[in-house]
């Protein structure tokens, strides 16, 4: 078995996931992984649907339930979206009419 990050063969067992699958850790780069993951990355179509639901201001629990993502993943995704929004507000002086 090779590390998916650095392809090293220096792998150790590192406990189990909450689904009961064995977890491994690369001693070279520190990456943790599962050999045959049953859950993959969230596809782009689902992310677009989540963005639309967020604009409609649906509750996070409802979005997670509808799209099938975990609430934890959804919160991380929302936090990343928030970090992408510029936090500076540009204030311009108003022109006075004479």
PDB file of N, CA and C in Angstrom:
ATOM      1  N   UNK A   1       0.850  -1.172   0.000  1.00  0.00           N
ATOM      2  CA  UNK A   1       0.000   0.000   0.000  1.00  0.00           C
ATOM      3  C   UNK A   1       0.899   1.239   0.000  1.00  0.00           C
ATOM      4  N   UNK A   2       0.497   2.242  -0.802  1.00  0.00           N
ATOM      5  CA  UNK A   2       1.248   3.486  -0.904  1.00  0.00           C
ATOM      6  C   UNK A   2       0.415   4.652  -0.396  1.00  0.00           C
ATOM      7  N   UNK A   3       1.102   5.665   0.082  1.00  0.00           N
ATOM      8  CA  UNK A   3       0.447   6.890   0.525  1.00  0.00           C
ATOM      9  C   UNK A   3      -0.121   7.617  -0.689  1.00  0.00           C
ATOM     10  N   UNK A   4      -1.379   8.067  -0.631  1.00  0.00           N
ATOM     11  CA  UNK A   4      -1.950   8.789  -1.771  1.00  0.00           C
ATOM     12  C   UNK A   4      -1.309  10.160  -1.993  1.00  0.00           C
ATOM     13  N   UNK A   5      -0.624  10.693  -0.996  1.00  0.00           N
ATOM     14  CA  UNK A   5      -0.014  12.021  -1.107  1.00  0.00           C
ATOM     15  C   UNK A   5       1.401  11.956  -1.683  1.00  0.00           C
ATOM     16  N   UNK A   6       2.262  11.137  -1.064  1.00  0.00           N
ATOM     17  CA  UNK A   6       3.676  11.132  -1.452  1.00  0.00           C
ATOM     18  C   UNK A   6       4.143   9.800  -2.032  1.00  0.00           C
ATOM     19  N   UNK A   7       3.265   8.819  -2.120  1.00  0.00           N
ATOM     20  CA  UNK A   7       3.549   7.489  -2.674  1.00  0.00           C
ATOM     21  C   UNK A   7       4.551   6.690  -1.848  1.00  0.00           C
ATOM     22  N   UNK A   8       4.800   7.082  -0.614  1.00  0.00           N
ATOM     23  CA  UNK A   8       5.704   6.359   0.270  1.00  0.00           C
ATOM     24  C   UNK A   8       5.077   5.039   0.701  1.00  0.00           C
ATOM     25  N   UNK A   9       5.900   4.052   0.989  1.00  0.00           N
ATOM     26  CA  UNK A   9       5.397   2.760   1.463  1.00  0.00           C
ATOM     27  C   UNK A   9       5.513   2.632   2.978  1.00  0.00           C
ATOM     28  N   UNK A  10       5.969   3.679   3.645  1.00  0.00           N
ATOM     29  CA  UNK A  10       6.109   3.654   5.101  1.00  0.00           C
ATOM     30  C   UNK A  10       4.785   4.036   5.735  1.00  0.00           C
ATOM     31  N   UNK A  11       3.909   3.055   5.874  1.00  0.00           N
ATOM     32  CA  UNK A  11       2.540   3.244   6.345  1.00  0.00           C
ATOM     33  C   UNK A  11       2.363   2.496   7.660  1.00  0.00           C
ATOM     34  N   UNK A  12       1.654   3.103   8.612  1.00  0.00           N
ATOM     35  CA  UNK A  12       1.322   2.417   9.862  1.00  0.00           C
ATOM     36  C   UNK A  12      -0.185   2.473  10.068  1.00  0.00           C
ATOM     37  N   UNK A  13      -0.710   1.486  10.803  1.00  0.00           N
ATOM     38  CA  UNK A  13      -2.126   1.527  11.175  1.00  0.00           C
ATOM     39  C   UNK A  13      -2.316   2.651  12.178  1.00  0.00           C
ATOM     40  N   UNK A  14      -3.442   3.373  12.041  1.00  0.00           N
ATOM     41  CA  UNK A  14      -3.651   4.559  12.865  1.00  0.00           C
ATOM     42  C   UNK A  14      -5.078   4.607  13.387  1.00  0.00           C
ATOM     43  N   UNK A  15      -5.576   3.477  13.859  1.00  0.00           N
ATOM     44  CA  UNK A  15      -6.915   3.423  14.433  1.00  0.00           C
ATOM     45  C   UNK A  15      -7.979   3.083  13.404  1.00  0.00           C
ATOM     46  N   UNK A  16      -9.224   3.482  13.726  1.00  0.00           N
ATOM     47  CA  UNK A  16     -10.365   3.195  12.863  1.00  0.00           C
ATOM     48  C   UNK A  16     -11.205   4.454  12.675  1.00  0.00           C
ATOM     49  N   UNK A  17     -11.924   4.522  11.556  1.00  0.00           N
ATOM     50  CA  UNK A  17     -12.864   5.611  11.344  1.00  0.00           C
ATOM     51  C   UNK A  17     -14.107   5.340  12.173  1.00  0.00           C
ATOM     52  N   UNK A  18     -15.014   6.314  12.240  1.00  0.00           N
ATOM     53  CA  UNK A  18     -16.252   6.089  12.985  1.00  0.00           C
ATOM     54  C   UNK A  18     -17.169   5.109  12.254  1.00  0.00           C
ATOM     55  N   UNK A  19     -16.819   4.758  11.008  1.00  0.00           N
ATOM     56  CA  UNK A  19     -17.552   3.722  10.282  1.00  0.00           C
ATOM     57  C   UNK A  19     -16.962   2.340  10.535  1.00  0.00           C
ATOM     58  N   UNK A  20     -15.833   2.276  11.249  1.00  0.00           N
ATOM     59  CA  UNK A  20     -15.213   1.000  11.574  1.00  0.00           C
ATOM     60  C   UNK A  20     -14.120   0.565  10.608  1.00  0.00           C
ATOM     61  N   UNK A  21     -13.837   1.361   9.586  1.00  0.00           N
ATOM     62  CA  UNK A  21     -12.783   1.011   8.630  1.00  0.00           C
ATOM     63  C   UNK A  21     -11.423   1.353   9.218  1.00  0.00           C
ATOM     64  N   UNK A  22     -10.399   0.542   8.926  1.00  0.00           N
ATOM     65  CA  UNK A  22      -9.066   0.858   9.447  1.00  0.00           C
ATOM     66  C   UNK A  22      -8.498   2.116   8.791  1.00  0.00           C
ATOM     67  N   UNK A  23      -7.872   2.953   9.614  1.00  0.00           N
ATOM     68  CA  UNK A  23      -7.255   4.188   9.140  1.00  0.00           C
ATOM     69  C   UNK A  23      -5.746   3.974   9.154  1.00  0.00           C
ATOM     70  N   UNK A  24      -5.062   4.583   8.201  1.00  0.00           N
ATOM     71  CA  UNK A  24      -3.619   4.460   8.094  1.00  0.00           C
ATOM     72  C   UNK A  24      -2.996   5.844   8.097  1.00  0.00           C
ATOM     73  N   UNK A  25      -1.705   5.898   8.467  1.00  0.00           N
ATOM     74  CA  UNK A  25      -0.973   7.158   8.467  1.00  0.00           C
ATOM     75  C   UNK A  25       0.384   6.942   7.838  1.00  0.00           C
ATOM     76  N   UNK A  26       0.774   7.867   6.985  1.00  0.00           N
ATOM     77  CA  UNK A  26       2.086   7.828   6.334  1.00  0.00           C
ATOM     78  C   UNK A  26       3.102   8.418   7.309  1.00  0.00           C
ATOM     79  N   UNK A  27       4.163   7.671   7.605  1.00  0.00           N
ATOM     80  CA  UNK A  27       5.174   8.180   8.527  1.00  0.00           C
ATOM     81  C   UNK A  27       6.086   9.197   7.842  1.00  0.00           C
ATOM     82  N   UNK A  28       6.053   9.247   6.527  1.00  0.00           N
ATOM     83  CA  UNK A  28       6.902  10.177   5.786  1.00  0.00           C
ATOM     84  C   UNK A  28       6.300  11.579   5.740  1.00  0.00           C
ATOM     85  N   UNK A  29       5.018  11.702   5.315  1.00  0.00           N
ATOM     86  CA  UNK A  29       4.400  13.029   5.176  1.00  0.00           C
ATOM     87  C   UNK A  29       3.312  13.305   6.215  1.00  0.00           C
ATOM     88  N   UNK A  30       2.864  12.283   6.960  1.00  0.00           N
ATOM     89  CA  UNK A  30       1.856  12.481   7.999  1.00  0.00           C
ATOM     90  C   UNK A  30       0.423  12.407   7.518  1.00  0.00           C
ATOM     91  N   UNK A  31       0.204  12.140   6.238  1.00  0.00           N
ATOM     92  CA  UNK A  31      -1.156  12.063   5.679  1.00  0.00           C
ATOM     93  C   UNK A  31      -1.901  10.882   6.285  1.00  0.00           C
ATOM     94  N   UNK A  32      -3.149  11.113   6.685  1.00  0.00           N
ATOM     95  CA  UNK A  32      -4.027  10.039   7.168  1.00  0.00           C
ATOM     96  C   UNK A  32      -4.992   9.676   6.059  1.00  0.00           C
ATOM     97  N   UNK A  33      -5.275   8.382   5.907  1.00  0.00           N
ATOM     98  CA  UNK A  33      -6.167   7.958   4.843  1.00  0.00           C
ATOM     99  C   UNK A  33      -6.770   6.598   5.152  1.00  0.00           C
ATOM    100  N   UNK A  34      -7.810   6.262   4.387  1.00  0.00           N
ATOM    101  CA  UNK A  34      -8.472   4.960   4.457  1.00  0.00           C
ATOM    102  C   UNK A  34      -8.167   4.256   3.143  1.00  0.00           C
ATOM    103  N   UNK A  35      -7.932   2.954   3.189  1.00  0.00           N
ATOM    104  CA  UNK A  35      -7.506   2.230   1.987  1.00  0.00           C
ATOM    105  C   UNK A  35      -8.536   2.291   0.862  1.00  0.00           C
ATOM    106  N   UNK A  36      -9.765   1.889   1.114  1.00  0.00           N
ATOM    107  CA  UNK A  36     -10.823   1.934   0.101  1.00  0.00           C
ATOM    108  C   UNK A  36     -11.965   2.792   0.635  1.00  0.00           C
ATOM    109  N   UNK A  37     -11.892   4.111   0.475  1.00  0.00           N
ATOM    110  CA  UNK A  37     -12.936   4.966   1.061  1.00  0.00           C
ATOM    111  C   UNK A  37     -14.294   4.732   0.410  1.00  0.00           C
ATOM    112  N   UNK A  38     -15.332   4.684   1.243  1.00  0.00           N
ATOM    113  CA  UNK A  38     -16.684   4.488   0.727  1.00  0.00           C
ATOM    114  C   UNK A  38     -17.328   5.825   0.372  1.00  0.00           C
ATOM    115  N   UNK A  39     -16.790   6.901   0.913  1.00  0.00           N
ATOM    116  CA  UNK A  39     -17.313   8.237   0.627  1.00  0.00           C
ATOM    117  C   UNK A  39     -16.240   9.017  -0.118  1.00  0.00           C
ATOM    118  N   UNK A  40     -16.621   9.610  -1.232  1.00  0.00           N
ATOM    119  CA  UNK A  40     -15.675  10.357  -2.042  1.00  0.00           C
ATOM    120  C   UNK A  40     -15.868  11.848  -1.895  1.00  0.00           C
ATOM    121  N   UNK A  41     -15.153  12.627  -2.691  1.00  0.00           N
ATOM    122  CA  UNK A  41     -15.314  14.076  -2.631  1.00  0.00           C
ATOM    123  C   UNK A  41     -16.693  14.513  -3.138  1.00  0.00           C
ATOM    124  N   UNK A  42     -17.142  15.657  -2.699  1.00  0.00           N
ATOM    125  CA  UNK A  42     -18.438  16.198  -3.088  1.00  0.00           C
ATOM    126  C   UNK A  42     -18.309  16.777  -4.499  1.00  0.00           C
ATOM    127  N   UNK A  43     -19.187  16.345  -5.416  1.00  0.00           N
ATOM    128  CA  UNK A  43     -19.062  16.791  -6.812  1.00  0.00           C
ATOM    129  C   UNK A  43     -19.523  18.241  -6.987  1.00  0.00           C
ATOM    130  N   UNK A  44     -19.167  18.814  -8.134  1.00  0.00           N
ATOM    131  CA  UNK A  44     -19.428  20.231  -8.406  1.00  0.00           C
ATOM    132  C   UNK A  44     -20.924  20.539  -8.477  1.00  0.00           C
ATOM    133  N   UNK A  45     -21.721  19.611  -9.016  1.00  0.00           N
ATOM    134  CA  UNK A  45     -23.167  19.846  -9.116  1.00  0.00           C
ATOM    135  C   UNK A  45     -23.792  19.985  -7.729  1.00  0.00           C
ATOM    136  N   UNK A  46     -23.345  19.168  -6.788  1.00  0.00           N
ATOM    137  CA  UNK A  46     -23.858  19.253  -5.421  1.00  0.00           C
ATOM    138  C   UNK A  46     -23.436  20.560  -4.777  1.00  0.00           C
ATOM    139  N   UNK A  47     -22.202  20.991  -5.023  1.00  0.00           N
ATOM    140  CA  UNK A  47     -21.726  22.255  -4.459  1.00  0.00           C
ATOM    141  C   UNK A  47     -22.539  23.435  -4.997  1.00  0.00           C
ATOM    142  N   UNK A  48     -22.877  23.405  -6.284  1.00  0.00           N
ATOM    143  CA  UNK A  48     -23.683  24.472  -6.877  1.00  0.00           C
ATOM    144  C   UNK A  48     -25.077  24.498  -6.244  1.00  0.00           C
ATOM    145  N   UNK A  49     -25.651  23.304  -6.041  1.00  0.00           N
ATOM    146  CA  UNK A  49     -26.970  23.222  -5.411  1.00  0.00           C
ATOM    147  C   UNK A  49     -26.912  23.750  -3.973  1.00  0.00           C
ATOM    148  N   UNK A  50     -25.837  23.425  -3.256  1.00  0.00           N
ATOM    149  CA  UNK A  50     -25.673  23.920  -1.888  1.00  0.00           C
ATOM    150  C   UNK A  50     -25.572  25.446  -1.887  1.00  0.00           C
ATOM    151  N   UNK A  51     -24.816  26.007  -2.847  1.00  0.00           N
ATOM    152  CA  UNK A  51     -24.697  27.464  -2.941  1.00  0.00           C
ATOM    153  C   UNK A  51     -26.064  28.114  -3.149  1.00  0.00           C
ATOM    154  N   UNK A  52     -26.886  27.525  -4.004  1.00  0.00           N
ATOM    155  CA  UNK A  52     -28.227  28.072  -4.250  1.00  0.00           C
ATOM    156  C   UNK A  52     -29.094  27.988  -3.001  1.00  0.00           C
ATOM    157  N   UNK A  53     -28.998  26.877  -2.267  1.00  0.00           N
ATOM    158  CA  UNK A  53     -29.787  26.717  -1.043  1.00  0.00           C
ATOM    159  C   UNK A  53     -29.322  27.693   0.033  1.00  0.00           C
ATOM    160  N   UNK A  54     -28.014  27.961   0.064  1.00  0.00           N
ATOM    161  CA  UNK A  54     -27.509  28.944   1.025  1.00  0.00           C
ATOM    162  C   UNK A  54     -28.055  30.331   0.713  1.00  0.00           C
ATOM    163  N   UNK A  55     -28.158  30.669  -0.580  1.00  0.00           N
ATOM    164  CA  UNK A  55     -28.721  31.960  -0.963  1.00  0.00           C
ATOM    165  C   UNK A  55     -30.192  32.068  -0.578  1.00  0.00           C
ATOM    166  N   UNK A  56     -30.890  30.938  -0.560  1.00  0.00           N
ATOM    167  CA  UNK A  56     -32.301  30.910  -0.143  1.00  0.00           C
ATOM    168  C   UNK A  56     -32.443  30.903   1.376  1.00  0.00           C
ATOM    169  N   UNK A  57     -31.301  30.868   2.074  1.00  0.00           N
ATOM    170  CA  UNK A  57     -31.234  30.899   3.533  1.00  0.00           C
ATOM    171  C   UNK A  57     -31.915  29.705   4.190  1.00  0.00           C
ATOM    172  N   UNK A  58     -31.760  28.517   3.581  1.00  0.00           N
ATOM    173  CA  UNK A  58     -32.251  27.300   4.213  1.00  0.00           C
ATOM    174  C   UNK A  58     -31.347  26.947   5.388  1.00  0.00           C
ATOM    175  N   UNK A  59     -31.890  26.239   6.352  1.00  0.00           N
ATOM    176  CA  UNK A  59     -31.107  25.822   7.513  1.00  0.00           C
ATOM    177  C   UNK A  59     -30.040  24.821   7.089  1.00  0.00           C
ATOM    178  N   UNK A  60     -28.912  24.841   7.790  1.00  0.00           N
ATOM    179  CA  UNK A  60     -27.806  23.940   7.463  1.00  0.00           C
ATOM    180  C   UNK A  60     -28.237  22.475   7.581  1.00  0.00           C
ATOM    181  N   UNK A  61     -29.033  22.157   8.587  1.00  0.00           N
ATOM    182  CA  UNK A  61     -29.500  20.776   8.758  1.00  0.00           C
ATOM    183  C   UNK A  61     -30.348  20.344   7.561  1.00  0.00           C
ATOM    184  N   UNK A  62     -31.168  21.249   7.047  1.00  0.00           N
ATOM    185  CA  UNK A  62     -32.008  20.929   5.884  1.00  0.00           C
ATOM    186  C   UNK A  62     -31.143  20.720   4.642  1.00  0.00           C
ATOM    187  N   UNK A  63     -30.148  21.581   4.444  1.00  0.00           N
ATOM    188  CA  UNK A  63     -29.265  21.441   3.286  1.00  0.00           C
ATOM    189  C   UNK A  63     -28.510  20.119   3.355  1.00  0.00           C
ATOM    190  N   UNK A  64     -27.999  19.777   4.523  1.00  0.00           N
ATOM    191  CA  UNK A  64     -27.274  18.520   4.690  1.00  0.00           C
ATOM    192  C   UNK A  64     -28.186  17.326   4.411  1.00  0.00           C
ATOM    193  N   UNK A  65     -29.399  17.397   4.890  1.00  0.00           N
ATOM    194  CA  UNK A  65     -30.345  16.298   4.702  1.00  0.00           C
ATOM    195  C   UNK A  65     -30.715  16.147   3.228  1.00  0.00           C
ATOM    196  N   UNK A  66     -30.956  17.243   2.531  1.00  0.00           N
ATOM    197  CA  UNK A  66     -31.376  17.197   1.126  1.00  0.00           C
ATOM    198  C   UNK A  66     -30.245  16.714   0.222  1.00  0.00           C
ATOM    199  N   UNK A  67     -29.032  17.222   0.453  1.00  0.00           N
ATOM    200  CA  UNK A  67     -27.913  16.912  -0.447  1.00  0.00           C
ATOM    201  C   UNK A  67     -27.147  15.657  -0.061  1.00  0.00           C
ATOM    202  N   UNK A  68     -27.330  15.180   1.164  1.00  0.00           N
ATOM    203  CA  UNK A  68     -26.639  13.962   1.589  1.00  0.00           C
ATOM    204  C   UNK A  68     -25.219  14.186   2.082  1.00  0.00           C
ATOM    205  N   UNK A  69     -24.845  15.440   2.358  1.00  0.00           N
ATOM    206  CA  UNK A  69     -23.522  15.711   2.914  1.00  0.00           C
ATOM    207  C   UNK A  69     -23.637  15.770   4.430  1.00  0.00           C
ATOM    208  N   UNK A  70     -22.514  15.641   5.110  1.00  0.00           N
ATOM    209  CA  UNK A  70     -22.560  15.722   6.572  1.00  0.00           C
ATOM    210  C   UNK A  70     -22.647  17.185   6.996  1.00  0.00           C
ATOM    211  N   UNK A  71     -23.239  17.411   8.152  1.00  0.00           N
ATOM    212  CA  UNK A  71     -23.352  18.778   8.664  1.00  0.00           C
ATOM    213  C   UNK A  71     -21.973  19.359   8.959  1.00  0.00           C
ATOM    214  N   UNK A  72     -21.053  18.518   9.375  1.00  0.00           N
ATOM    215  CA  UNK A  72     -19.688  18.974   9.656  1.00  0.00           C
ATOM    216  C   UNK A  72     -19.021  19.459   8.369  1.00  0.00           C
ATOM    217  N   UNK A  73     -19.134  18.662   7.290  1.00  0.00           N
ATOM    218  CA  UNK A  73     -18.546  19.072   6.009  1.00  0.00           C
ATOM    219  C   UNK A  73     -19.188  20.372   5.535  1.00  0.00           C
ATOM    220  N   UNK A  74     -20.507  20.477   5.684  1.00  0.00           N
ATOM    221  CA  UNK A  74     -21.225  21.663   5.240  1.00  0.00           C
ATOM    222  C   UNK A  74     -20.753  22.903   5.994  1.00  0.00           C
ATOM    223  N   UNK A  75     -20.531  22.784   7.298  1.00  0.00           N
ATOM    224  CA  UNK A  75     -20.062  23.937   8.080  1.00  0.00           C
ATOM    225  C   UNK A  75     -18.675  24.364   7.627  1.00  0.00           C
ATOM    226  N   UNK A  76     -17.801  23.414   7.350  1.00  0.00           N
ATOM    227  CA  UNK A  76     -16.457  23.726   6.853  1.00  0.00           C
ATOM    228  C   UNK A  76     -16.567  24.426   5.503  1.00  0.00           C
ATOM    229  N   UNK A  77     -17.451  23.949   4.631  1.00  0.00           N
ATOM    230  CA  UNK A  77     -17.653  24.539   3.310  1.00  0.00           C
ATOM    231  C   UNK A  77     -18.164  25.979   3.425  1.00  0.00           C
ATOM    232  N   UNK A  78     -19.128  26.202   4.310  1.00  0.00           N
ATOM    233  CA  UNK A  78     -19.685  27.547   4.514  1.00  0.00           C
ATOM    234  C   UNK A  78     -18.596  28.475   5.059  1.00  0.00           C
ATOM    235  N   UNK A  79     -17.776  27.994   5.977  1.00  0.00           N
ATOM    236  CA  UNK A  79     -16.700  28.816   6.524  1.00  0.00           C
ATOM    237  C   UNK A  79     -15.698  29.202   5.439  1.00  0.00           C
ATOM    238  N   UNK A  80     -15.396  28.262   4.530  1.00  0.00           N
ATOM    239  CA  UNK A  80     -14.483  28.568   3.421  1.00  0.00           C
ATOM    240  C   UNK A  80     -15.097  29.620   2.504  1.00  0.00           C
ATOM    241  N   UNK A  81     -16.389  29.495   2.226  1.00  0.00           N
ATOM    242  CA  UNK A  81     -17.078  30.484   1.399  1.00  0.00           C
ATOM    243  C   UNK A  81     -17.026  31.869   2.061  1.00  0.00           C
ATOM    244  N   UNK A  82     -17.225  31.913   3.359  1.00  0.00           N
ATOM    245  CA  UNK A  82     -17.201  33.173   4.096  1.00  0.00           C
ATOM    246  C   UNK A  82     -15.815  33.817   4.021  1.00  0.00           C
ATOM    247  N   UNK A  83     -14.771  32.996   4.137  1.00  0.00           N
ATOM    248  CA  UNK A  83     -13.406  33.516   4.083  1.00  0.00           C
ATOM    249  C   UNK A  83     -13.068  34.102   2.714  1.00  0.00           C
ATOM    250  N   UNK A  84     -13.759  33.652   1.653  1.00  0.00           N
ATOM    251  CA  UNK A  84     -13.506  34.160   0.306  1.00  0.00           C
ATOM    252  C   UNK A  84     -14.132  35.540   0.075  1.00  0.00           C
ATOM    253  N   UNK A  85     -15.103  35.919   0.902  1.00  0.00           N
ATOM    254  CA  UNK A  85     -15.787  37.205   0.742  1.00  0.00           C
ATOM    255  C   UNK A  85     -14.886  38.305   1.283  1.00  0.00           C
ATOM    256  N   UNK A  86     -14.667  39.379   0.509  1.00  0.00           N
ATOM    257  CA  UNK A  86     -13.826  40.476   1.012  1.00  0.00           C
ATOM    258  C   UNK A  86     -14.436  41.103   2.259  1.00  0.00           C
ATOM    259  N   UNK A  87     -13.608  41.337   3.265  1.00  0.00           N
ATOM    260  CA  UNK A  87     -14.086  41.870   4.534  1.00  0.00           C
ATOM    261  C   UNK A  87     -13.939  43.390   4.617  1.00  0.00           C
ATOM    262  N   UNK A  88     -13.306  44.013   3.628  1.00  0.00           N
ATOM    263  CA  UNK A  88     -13.131  45.458   3.605  1.00  0.00           C
ATOM    264  C   UNK A  88     -14.343  46.107   2.934  1.00  0.00           C
ATOM    265  N   UNK A  89     -14.817  47.162   3.501  1.00  0.00           N
ATOM    266  CA  UNK A  89     -15.923  47.915   2.922  1.00  0.00           C
ATOM    267  C   UNK A  89     -15.361  49.238   2.422  1.00  0.00           C
ATOM    268  N   UNK A  90     -15.658  49.563   1.169  1.00  0.00           N
ATOM    269  CA  UNK A  90     -15.174  50.809   0.600  1.00  0.00           C
ATOM    270  C   UNK A  90     -16.208  51.907   0.862  1.00  0.00           C
ATOM    271  N   UNK A  91     -15.783  52.962   1.527  1.00  0.00           N
ATOM    272  CA  UNK A  91     -16.673  54.074   1.846  1.00  0.00           C
ATOM    273  C   UNK A  91     -16.197  55.290   1.058  1.00  0.00           C
ATOM    274  N   UNK A  92     -17.108  55.876   0.287  1.00  0.00           N
ATOM    275  CA  UNK A  92     -16.794  57.072  -0.491  1.00  0.00           C
ATOM    276  C   UNK A  92     -17.537  58.260   0.098  1.00  0.00           C
ATOM    277  N   UNK A  93     -16.904  59.426  -0.002  1.00  0.00           N
ATOM    278  CA  UNK A  93     -17.563  60.637   0.466  1.00  0.00           C
ATOM    279  C   UNK A  93     -18.676  61.012  -0.491  1.00  0.00           C
ATOM    280  N   UNK A  94     -19.783  61.401   0.060  1.00  0.00           N
ATOM    281  CA  UNK A  94     -20.926  61.822  -0.743  1.00  0.00           C
ATOM    282  C   UNK A  94     -20.701  63.254  -1.235  1.00  0.00           C
ATOM    283  N   UNK A  95     -20.996  63.485  -2.500  1.00  0.00           N
ATOM    284  CA  UNK A  95     -20.867  64.841  -3.053  1.00  0.00           C
ATOM    285  C   UNK A  95     -22.034  65.673  -2.549  1.00  0.00           C
ATOM    286  N   UNK A  96     -21.690  66.877  -2.051  1.00  0.00           N
ATOM    287  CA  UNK A  96     -22.718  67.765  -1.533  1.00  0.00           C
ATOM    288  C   UNK A  96     -23.285  68.619  -2.660  1.00  0.00           C
ATOM    289  N   UNK A  97     -24.587  68.756  -2.690  1.00  0.00           N
ATOM    290  CA  UNK A  97     -25.246  69.589  -3.713  1.00  0.00           C
ATOM    291  C   UNK A  97     -25.312  71.012  -3.185  1.00  0.00           C
ATOM    292  N   UNK A  98     -24.985  71.970  -4.019  1.00  0.00           N
ATOM    293  CA  UNK A  98     -25.035  73.390  -3.627  1.00  0.00           C
ATOM    294  C   UNK A  98     -26.341  74.019  -3.947  1.00  0.00           C
TER     295      UNK A  98
END
